[in-house]
Amino acid sequence: MCLAVPARIIEVKGQNAKVDFGGGVIREVNVMLVDAGVGDYVLVHAGYAIQVIDERSAEETLRLWRMILEEEAKGHPSSRNQIVK
């Protein structure tokens, strides 16, 4: 299974960009596959921005990820199946 996680671009230098995944998580990714700039939201997979997405979609996806991770931290791994369906 492949997962792509939304992040907001905060700095661009050539083909690389610093992105903010939220919660203080900043990473450098390659943006050569997309036409995106500072402030844009992108889906990141394996160190590459693979698609530009709108802010609403990014925030909703991040909210769902936080829900899943919170449930797993509580020891309810079966909750993941209900959330993802």
C-alpha atoms as a PDB file:
ATOM      1  CA  MET A   1       0.000   0.000   0.000  1.00  0.00           C
ATOM      2  CA  CYS A   2       1.315   3.463  -0.893  1.00  0.00           C
ATOM      3  CA  LEU A   3       0.534   6.498   1.222  1.00  0.00           C
ATOM      4  CA  ALA A   4       0.842  10.155   0.333  1.00  0.00           C
ATOM      5  CA  VAL A   5       0.622  12.758   3.075  1.00  0.00           C
ATOM      6  CA  PRO A   6      -0.423  16.400   2.615  1.00  0.00           C
ATOM      7  CA  ALA A   7       2.045  19.156   3.431  1.00  0.00           C
ATOM      8  CA  ARG A   8       2.267  22.923   2.862  1.00  0.00           C
ATOM      9  CA  ILE A   9       5.256  24.316   0.989  1.00  0.00           C
ATOM     10  CA  ILE A  10       7.091  26.903   3.085  1.00  0.00           C
ATOM     11  CA  GLU A  11      10.231  27.442   0.985  1.00  0.00           C
ATOM     12  CA  VAL A  12      11.370  26.528  -2.541  1.00  0.00           C
ATOM     13  CA  LYS A  13      14.977  26.247  -3.731  1.00  0.00           C
ATOM     14  CA  GLY A  14      15.281  24.888  -7.248  1.00  0.00           C
ATOM     15  CA  GLN A  15      13.798  21.400  -7.409  1.00  0.00           C
ATOM     16  CA  ASN A  16      13.584  21.064  -3.631  1.00  0.00           C
ATOM     17  CA  ALA A  17      11.232  22.565  -1.093  1.00  0.00           C
ATOM     18  CA  LYS A  18      10.779  22.634   2.642  1.00  0.00           C
ATOM     19  CA  VAL A  19       7.306  21.450   3.545  1.00  0.00           C
ATOM     20  CA  ASP A  20       5.316  21.590   6.761  1.00  0.00           C
ATOM     21  CA  PHE A  21       3.365  18.452   7.668  1.00  0.00           C
ATOM     22  CA  GLY A  22       1.947  20.156  10.762  1.00  0.00           C
ATOM     23  CA  GLY A  23       2.783  19.546  14.377  1.00  0.00           C
ATOM     24  CA  GLY A  24       6.279  20.947  13.901  1.00  0.00           C
ATOM     25  CA  VAL A  25       7.291  18.364  11.293  1.00  0.00           C
ATOM     26  CA  ILE A  26       9.328  20.078   8.546  1.00  0.00           C
ATOM     27  CA  ARG A  27      11.022  18.081   5.790  1.00  0.00           C
ATOM     28  CA  GLU A  28      12.776  18.719   2.494  1.00  0.00           C
ATOM     29  CA  VAL A  29      11.146  17.122  -0.544  1.00  0.00           C
ATOM     30  CA  ASN A  30      11.661  17.131  -4.295  1.00  0.00           C
ATOM     31  CA  VAL A  31       9.059  19.217  -6.180  1.00  0.00           C
ATOM     32  CA  MET A  32      10.207  18.598  -9.763  1.00  0.00           C
ATOM     33  CA  LEU A  33       7.008  16.639 -10.559  1.00  0.00           C
ATOM     34  CA  VAL A  34       4.584  19.456  -9.696  1.00  0.00           C
ATOM     35  CA  ASP A  35       4.059  23.117 -10.497  1.00  0.00           C
ATOM     36  CA  ALA A  36       3.768  24.462  -6.957  1.00  0.00           C
ATOM     37  CA  GLY A  37       5.057  27.354  -4.907  1.00  0.00           C
ATOM     38  CA  VAL A  38       5.203  28.680  -1.372  1.00  0.00           C
ATOM     39  CA  GLY A  39       1.827  28.334   0.333  1.00  0.00           C
ATOM     40  CA  ASP A  40       0.586  25.522  -1.898  1.00  0.00           C
ATOM     41  CA  TYR A  41      -0.425  22.163  -0.465  1.00  0.00           C
ATOM     42  CA  VAL A  42       1.016  19.028  -2.025  1.00  0.00           C
ATOM     43  CA  LEU A  43       0.756  15.293  -1.502  1.00  0.00           C
ATOM     44  CA  VAL A  44       4.165  13.881  -0.547  1.00  0.00           C
ATOM     45  CA  HIS A  45       5.179  10.278  -1.182  1.00  0.00           C
ATOM     46  CA  ALA A  46       8.695   8.854  -0.703  1.00  0.00           C
ATOM     47  CA  GLY A  47      10.274  12.305  -0.593  1.00  0.00           C
ATOM     48  CA  TYR A  48       8.526  13.633  -3.709  1.00  0.00           C
ATOM     49  CA  ALA A  49       5.635  16.060  -4.037  1.00  0.00           C
ATOM     50  CA  ILE A  50       3.394  14.154  -6.449  1.00  0.00           C
ATOM     51  CA  GLN A  51       0.260  16.311  -6.673  1.00  0.00           C
ATOM     52  CA  VAL A  52      -0.970  19.794  -5.777  1.00  0.00           C
ATOM     53  CA  ILE A  53      -4.155  19.736  -3.692  1.00  0.00           C
ATOM     54  CA  ASP A  54      -6.454  22.385  -2.264  1.00  0.00           C
ATOM     55  CA  GLU A  55      -6.205  23.507   1.360  1.00  0.00           C
ATOM     56  CA  ARG A  56      -9.578  22.018   2.322  1.00  0.00           C
ATOM     57  CA  SER A  57      -8.599  18.548   1.105  1.00  0.00           C
ATOM     58  CA  ALA A  58      -5.218  18.794   2.832  1.00  0.00           C
ATOM     59  CA  GLU A  59      -6.730  19.826   6.163  1.00  0.00           C
ATOM     60  CA  GLU A  60      -9.397  17.099   6.008  1.00  0.00           C
ATOM     61  CA  THR A  61      -6.816  14.408   5.226  1.00  0.00           C
ATOM     62  CA  LEU A  62      -4.547  15.597   8.054  1.00  0.00           C
ATOM     63  CA  ARG A  63      -7.530  15.609  10.430  1.00  0.00           C
ATOM     64  CA  LEU A  64      -8.306  11.990   9.532  1.00  0.00           C
ATOM     65  CA  TRP A  65      -4.664  10.961  10.019  1.00  0.00           C
ATOM     66  CA  ARG A  66      -4.642  12.606  13.455  1.00  0.00           C
ATOM     67  CA  MET A  67      -7.820  10.699  14.375  1.00  0.00           C
ATOM     68  CA  ILE A  68      -6.302   7.386  13.306  1.00  0.00           C
ATOM     69  CA  LEU A  69      -3.062   8.013  15.183  1.00  0.00           C
ATOM     70  CA  GLU A  70      -4.898   9.122  18.328  1.00  0.00           C
ATOM     71  CA  GLU A  71      -7.030   5.963  18.312  1.00  0.00           C
ATOM     72  CA  GLU A  72      -3.988   3.762  17.817  1.00  0.00           C
ATOM     73  CA  ALA A  73      -2.196   5.551  20.671  1.00  0.00           C
ATOM     74  CA  LYS A  74      -5.171   4.739  22.911  1.00  0.00           C
ATOM     75  CA  GLY A  75      -4.736   1.074  22.071  1.00  0.00           C
ATOM     76  CA  HIS A  76      -7.700   0.802  19.704  1.00  0.00           C
ATOM     77  CA  PRO A  77      -6.123  -0.436  16.459  1.00  0.00           C
ATOM     78  CA  SER A  78      -9.483  -1.829  15.331  1.00  0.00           C
ATOM     79  CA  SER A  79     -10.828   1.747  15.188  1.00  0.00           C
ATOM     80  CA  ARG A  80      -8.648   2.300  12.133  1.00  0.00           C
ATOM     81  CA  ASN A  81     -10.864  -0.027  10.102  1.00  0.00           C
ATOM     82  CA  GLN A  82     -13.988   1.952  11.004  1.00  0.00           C
ATOM     83  CA  ILE A  83     -12.405   5.336  10.237  1.00  0.00           C
ATOM     84  CA  VAL A  84     -10.917   4.342   6.877  1.00  0.00           C
ATOM     85  CA  LYS A  85     -14.067   2.665   5.490  1.00  0.00           C
END
